[in-house]
Amino acid sequence: MDAHPITATREAAFFDLDKTIIATSSATAFSRGFLAQGMLTRRKVLRTAYAQLVYLMGAADEDQTERLRVQLSRNVAGWEVSQVSAVVAETLHEAIDPTVYAEAVALIEEHHAAGRDVVIVSASSSEIVEPIAAVLGADHVIASRMAVTGGRYTGEIDFYAYGENKATGIRELAAREGYDLARSFAYSDSITDAPMLGVVGHAYAVNPDRTLRRLAEQEGWGVLSFSRPVALFAFARRPASIAAVGVVALVAAGLAVGWYLGRRRARDRPGRP
């Protein structure tokens, strides 16, 4: 007999990671540590750094961002999970610490104080997103999953948490946890996260470019400005309810691939919590 469905009575706040919580790309932030261990060449690091700069400036087109995703996936093919885990665990503070937006941290605190779960939703790998989310005190993670065979990364992606897949992941988690999405919140800087923003009742575009700002105006979404990067570990919270946080790896980037501009039914959007 099927279990009774969970009644949707709880609320959650869903946060994109790159350029929403942190002012950088989580998937490329650990390049220096891998270079020091001989896992990346200087040439590959320079290429990744340039691609990240283009991405952060909002100048990457669809082809450029897809090439970066493929490049990052290929970079990790054959890497041992255990070796990567050790490198990222040792360099997490250095790679991420100074790039967290204070405004995002304050919102996370407000949502927790209001009794809402906080969920980080990122196209970067779960092995990267989970330790960052744990420090922030997030309750769950929706992220990409890299394929592993014999303890090594194959370079393939089992689940790419991007575009419409983010909205699918949110709906599935809401069904398991009993979240009422109409009363829940979402935050993102990227037009590719339009499906994620459209699935909740209270959506906010963070530091939006012209395209996302236009869509936010059409849909009645809020617009927020984050501008104060601070130290991540200054805000270390209680342990999060995230499984397998210890396994950490650099994997496919959560970068834009295509435009998800489908129109969505406008709904009432209250202000900040």
Protein backbone atom coordinates (compact mmCIF):
# COMPACT_ATOMS: atom_id res chain seq x y z
CA MET A 1 0.00 0.00 0.00
CA ASP A 2 1.33 3.46 -0.90
CA ALA A 3 2.23 5.78 1.95
CA HIS A 4 -0.07 8.73 2.54
CA PRO A 5 1.26 11.91 0.89
CA ILE A 6 2.82 14.47 3.21
CA THR A 7 0.56 17.46 3.76
CA ALA A 8 2.23 20.65 2.48
CA THR A 9 2.17 22.82 5.59
CA ARG A 10 5.83 23.86 5.90
CA GLU A 11 7.73 26.67 4.20
CA ALA A 12 11.23 26.82 2.70
CA ALA A 13 13.63 29.34 1.18
CA PHE A 14 15.56 28.20 -1.91
CA PHE A 15 18.84 29.95 -2.72
CA ASP A 16 20.96 29.74 -5.85
CA LEU A 17 24.67 29.65 -4.87
CA ASP A 18 26.94 31.33 -7.44
CA LYS A 19 26.55 35.14 -7.54
CA THR A 20 23.56 34.88 -5.18
CA ILE A 21 25.14 33.66 -1.94
CA ILE A 22 28.78 33.81 -3.03
CA ALA A 23 30.30 36.41 -5.36
CA THR A 24 32.17 33.83 -7.45
CA SER A 25 31.81 30.51 -9.26
CA SER A 26 31.88 27.63 -6.77
CA ALA A 27 32.96 25.14 -9.45
CA THR A 28 36.16 27.01 -10.33
CA ALA A 29 37.04 28.38 -6.88
CA PHE A 30 39.27 25.43 -5.98
CA SER A 31 41.55 25.56 -9.04
CA ARG A 32 44.57 26.81 -7.07
CA GLY A 33 44.44 23.86 -4.70
CA PHE A 34 44.30 21.36 -7.54
CA LEU A 35 47.18 23.12 -9.28
CA ALA A 36 49.31 22.79 -6.14
CA GLN A 37 48.66 19.03 -6.14
CA GLY A 38 49.54 18.66 -9.83
CA MET A 39 45.96 17.76 -10.76
CA LEU A 40 45.61 20.79 -13.06
CA THR A 41 48.16 22.49 -15.31
CA ARG A 42 48.78 26.22 -15.20
CA ARG A 43 47.36 26.50 -18.70
CA LYS A 44 44.09 24.90 -17.62
CA VAL A 45 43.91 27.14 -14.56
CA LEU A 46 44.41 30.26 -16.68
CA ARG A 47 41.72 29.15 -19.11
CA THR A 48 39.32 28.50 -16.26
CA ALA A 49 40.15 31.84 -14.62
CA TYR A 50 39.41 33.72 -17.85
CA ALA A 51 36.15 31.85 -18.39
CA GLN A 52 35.14 32.60 -14.79
CA LEU A 53 35.85 36.32 -15.29
CA VAL A 54 33.65 36.40 -18.39
CA TYR A 55 30.92 34.57 -16.45
CA LEU A 56 31.07 36.87 -13.43
CA MET A 57 30.89 39.95 -15.66
CA GLY A 58 27.75 38.54 -17.26
CA ALA A 59 29.39 38.57 -20.70
CA ALA A 60 29.32 34.84 -21.44
CA ASP A 61 27.02 33.74 -24.23
CA GLU A 62 25.41 30.31 -24.52
CA ASP A 63 28.28 28.75 -26.46
CA GLN A 64 30.96 30.08 -24.09
CA THR A 65 29.22 28.84 -20.97
CA GLU A 66 28.56 25.42 -22.48
CA ARG A 67 32.24 25.12 -23.41
CA LEU A 68 33.23 25.96 -19.83
CA ARG A 69 30.86 23.31 -18.48
CA VAL A 70 32.34 20.69 -20.81
CA GLN A 71 35.88 21.80 -19.96
CA LEU A 72 35.31 21.50 -16.22
CA SER A 73 33.70 18.09 -16.62
CA ARG A 74 36.64 16.81 -18.65
CA ASN A 75 39.15 18.24 -16.19
CA VAL A 76 37.97 15.93 -13.41
CA ALA A 77 37.74 12.74 -15.50
CA GLY A 78 39.94 10.09 -13.86
CA TRP A 79 40.48 12.00 -10.63
CA GLU A 80 40.28 9.96 -7.44
CA VAL A 81 37.41 11.06 -5.24
CA SER A 82 39.49 10.58 -2.09
CA GLN A 83 42.33 12.82 -3.32
CA VAL A 84 40.00 15.57 -4.45
CA SER A 85 38.12 15.30 -1.16
CA ALA A 86 41.30 15.97 0.79
CA VAL A 87 42.36 18.94 -1.37
CA VAL A 88 39.00 20.71 -1.19
CA ALA A 89 38.60 20.08 2.52
CA GLU A 90 41.97 21.73 3.11
CA THR A 91 41.29 24.74 0.87
CA LEU A 92 37.60 25.44 1.48
CA HIS A 93 38.39 28.39 3.75
CA GLU A 94 40.86 29.93 1.28
CA ALA A 95 38.71 29.37 -1.81
CA ILE A 96 35.32 30.53 -0.54
CA ASP A 97 35.83 32.46 2.70
CA PRO A 98 36.01 36.08 1.46
CA THR A 99 33.25 35.83 -1.15
CA VAL A 100 29.99 35.36 0.77
CA TYR A 101 27.41 38.14 0.51
CA ALA A 102 26.49 39.49 3.94
CA GLU A 103 22.98 40.24 2.67
CA ALA A 104 22.47 36.57 1.73
CA VAL A 105 23.69 35.40 5.12
CA ALA A 106 21.27 37.80 6.81
CA LEU A 107 18.38 36.44 4.74
CA ILE A 108 19.32 32.86 5.64
CA GLU A 109 19.26 33.84 9.30
CA GLU A 110 15.87 35.52 8.89
CA HIS A 111 14.33 32.50 7.21
CA HIS A 112 15.63 30.14 9.87
CA ALA A 113 14.32 32.45 12.58
CA ALA A 114 10.90 32.31 10.88
CA GLY A 115 10.96 28.51 11.03
CA ARG A 116 11.66 27.91 7.35
CA ASP A 117 14.08 25.35 5.97
CA VAL A 118 16.89 26.76 3.85
CA VAL A 119 17.81 24.88 0.66
CA ILE A 120 20.83 25.62 -1.55
CA VAL A 121 20.07 24.94 -5.23
CA SER A 122 23.10 24.88 -7.51
CA ALA A 123 24.21 23.45 -10.85
CA SER A 124 27.63 22.84 -9.34
CA SER A 125 28.32 19.38 -7.97
CA SER A 126 26.77 18.28 -4.71
CA GLU A 127 30.26 17.40 -3.48
CA ILE A 128 31.21 21.07 -3.74
CA VAL A 129 27.91 22.61 -2.68
CA GLU A 130 27.32 20.49 0.44
CA PRO A 131 30.32 21.63 2.53
CA ILE A 132 29.57 25.27 1.72
CA ALA A 133 25.92 24.75 2.60
CA ALA A 134 26.91 23.05 5.85
CA VAL A 135 28.88 26.10 6.99
CA LEU A 136 25.93 28.32 6.11
CA GLY A 137 23.61 26.07 8.12
CA ALA A 138 21.45 25.03 5.16
CA ASP A 139 19.03 22.17 5.70
CA HIS A 140 19.12 20.58 2.25
CA VAL A 141 20.98 20.76 -1.06
CA ILE A 142 19.80 20.30 -4.63
CA ALA A 143 22.86 20.06 -6.89
CA SER A 144 24.41 18.24 -9.83
CA ARG A 145 25.73 14.71 -9.37
CA MET A 146 28.88 13.49 -11.11
CA ALA A 147 29.24 9.88 -12.24
CA VAL A 148 31.80 7.82 -10.29
CA THR A 149 33.23 4.43 -11.23
CA GLY A 150 35.81 2.61 -9.13
CA GLY A 151 36.32 5.63 -6.90
CA ARG A 152 37.13 7.91 -9.86
CA TYR A 153 35.14 10.55 -11.71
CA THR A 154 34.21 9.54 -15.25
CA GLY A 155 33.68 13.08 -16.55
CA GLU A 156 29.98 12.42 -17.07
CA ILE A 157 27.10 13.96 -15.14
CA ASP A 158 24.32 11.78 -13.71
CA PHE A 159 22.04 14.73 -12.88
CA TYR A 160 22.55 18.31 -14.05
CA ALA A 161 20.76 20.70 -11.68
CA TYR A 162 20.26 23.43 -14.23
CA GLY A 163 17.31 25.31 -15.69
CA GLU A 164 14.09 23.32 -15.53
CA ASN A 165 15.87 20.57 -13.57
CA LYS A 166 16.19 22.97 -10.63
CA ALA A 167 12.43 23.44 -10.57
CA THR A 168 11.96 19.67 -10.81
CA GLY A 169 14.33 19.11 -7.89
CA ILE A 170 12.49 21.71 -5.83
CA ARG A 171 9.11 20.10 -6.50
CA GLU A 172 10.45 16.65 -5.58
CA LEU A 173 12.01 17.90 -2.34
CA ALA A 174 8.82 19.81 -1.50
CA ALA A 175 6.79 16.62 -1.93
CA ARG A 176 9.12 14.72 0.43
CA GLU A 177 9.40 17.43 3.07
CA GLY A 178 5.87 18.82 2.93
CA TYR A 179 6.76 22.32 1.70
CA ASP A 180 3.97 24.58 0.52
CA LEU A 181 5.67 26.15 -2.51
CA ALA A 182 3.04 28.87 -2.80
CA ARG A 183 4.22 30.14 0.61
CA SER A 184 7.93 29.50 -0.03
CA PHE A 185 10.74 31.79 -1.25
CA ALA A 186 13.43 31.63 -3.94
CA TYR A 187 16.45 33.79 -4.77
CA SER A 188 18.68 33.81 -7.85
CA ASP A 189 20.78 36.11 -10.01
CA SER A 190 20.39 34.17 -13.26
CA ILE A 191 17.78 34.22 -16.02
CA THR A 192 18.40 30.48 -16.41
CA ASP A 193 16.81 30.08 -12.97
CA ALA A 194 13.47 31.46 -14.16
CA PRO A 195 11.90 28.00 -13.65
CA MET A 196 13.18 27.92 -10.06
CA LEU A 197 11.87 31.42 -9.35
CA GLY A 198 8.56 30.67 -10.99
CA VAL A 199 7.81 27.59 -8.89
CA VAL A 200 7.45 29.46 -5.58
CA GLY A 201 5.09 32.10 -4.30
CA HIS A 202 7.75 34.64 -3.31
CA ALA A 203 10.55 35.04 -5.88
CA TYR A 204 13.46 37.50 -5.82
CA ALA A 205 15.97 38.41 -8.52
CA VAL A 206 19.36 39.18 -6.96
CA ASN A 207 21.65 41.69 -8.73
CA PRO A 208 19.75 40.96 -11.96
CA ASP A 209 21.01 41.79 -15.42
CA ARG A 210 18.71 43.59 -17.82
CA THR A 211 17.01 40.42 -19.05
CA LEU A 212 16.23 39.04 -15.59
CA ARG A 213 15.14 42.46 -14.33
CA ARG A 214 12.69 42.74 -17.20
CA LEU A 215 11.27 39.28 -16.46
CA ALA A 216 11.04 40.10 -12.74
CA GLU A 217 8.99 43.19 -13.56
CA GLN A 218 6.71 41.15 -15.81
CA GLU A 219 6.19 38.42 -13.21
CA GLY A 220 5.93 40.67 -10.17
CA TRP A 221 9.09 39.26 -8.54
CA GLY A 222 11.09 41.28 -6.03
CA VAL A 223 14.53 42.68 -6.86
CA LEU A 224 17.39 42.70 -4.33
CA SER A 225 20.92 44.13 -4.42
CA PHE A 226 23.76 42.26 -2.70
CA SER A 227 27.10 44.07 -2.57
CA ARG A 228 29.00 43.23 0.64
CA PRO A 229 31.18 40.09 0.42
CA VAL A 230 32.32 38.93 3.88
CA ALA A 231 34.13 35.96 5.41
CA LEU A 232 32.14 32.73 5.18
CA PHE A 233 33.49 31.17 8.36
CA ALA A 234 32.52 34.17 10.43
CA PHE A 235 28.96 32.90 10.00
CA ALA A 236 29.52 29.19 10.75
CA ARG A 237 26.28 27.80 12.12
CA ARG A 238 24.92 24.61 13.59
CA PRO A 239 25.59 21.35 11.68
CA ALA A 240 23.23 21.04 8.72
CA SER A 241 21.03 18.04 8.02
CA ILE A 242 22.96 17.18 4.86
CA ALA A 243 24.25 13.67 4.30
CA ALA A 244 27.74 12.76 3.07
CA VAL A 245 29.26 16.21 3.53
CA GLY A 246 32.76 14.72 3.80
CA VAL A 247 33.13 13.81 0.11
CA VAL A 248 34.21 16.92 -1.78
CA ALA A 249 35.20 17.29 -5.45
CA LEU A 250 35.57 19.83 -8.20
CA VAL A 251 33.02 19.00 -10.86
CA ALA A 252 30.83 20.40 -13.57
CA ALA A 253 30.11 24.08 -13.24
CA GLY A 254 26.63 25.42 -12.67
CA LEU A 255 26.88 27.87 -15.51
CA ALA A 256 24.22 29.08 -17.87
CA VAL A 257 23.38 26.87 -20.84
CA GLY A 258 20.54 28.39 -22.86
CA TRP A 259 17.77 30.73 -21.84
CA TYR A 260 14.69 29.70 -19.93
CA LEU A 261 12.40 32.64 -20.48
CA GLY A 262 9.04 30.88 -20.52
CA ARG A 263 6.24 33.08 -19.30
CA ARG A 264 4.78 32.14 -15.92
CA ARG A 265 1.54 33.11 -14.30
CA ALA A 266 2.04 36.22 -12.14
CA ARG A 267 1.25 35.74 -8.48
CA ASP A 268 1.18 38.01 -5.45
CA ARG A 269 4.68 38.48 -4.04
CA PRO A 270 4.90 39.75 -0.44
CA GLY A 271 8.03 41.59 0.72
CA ARG A 272 11.00 40.20 2.60
CA PRO A 273 10.32 37.78 5.45
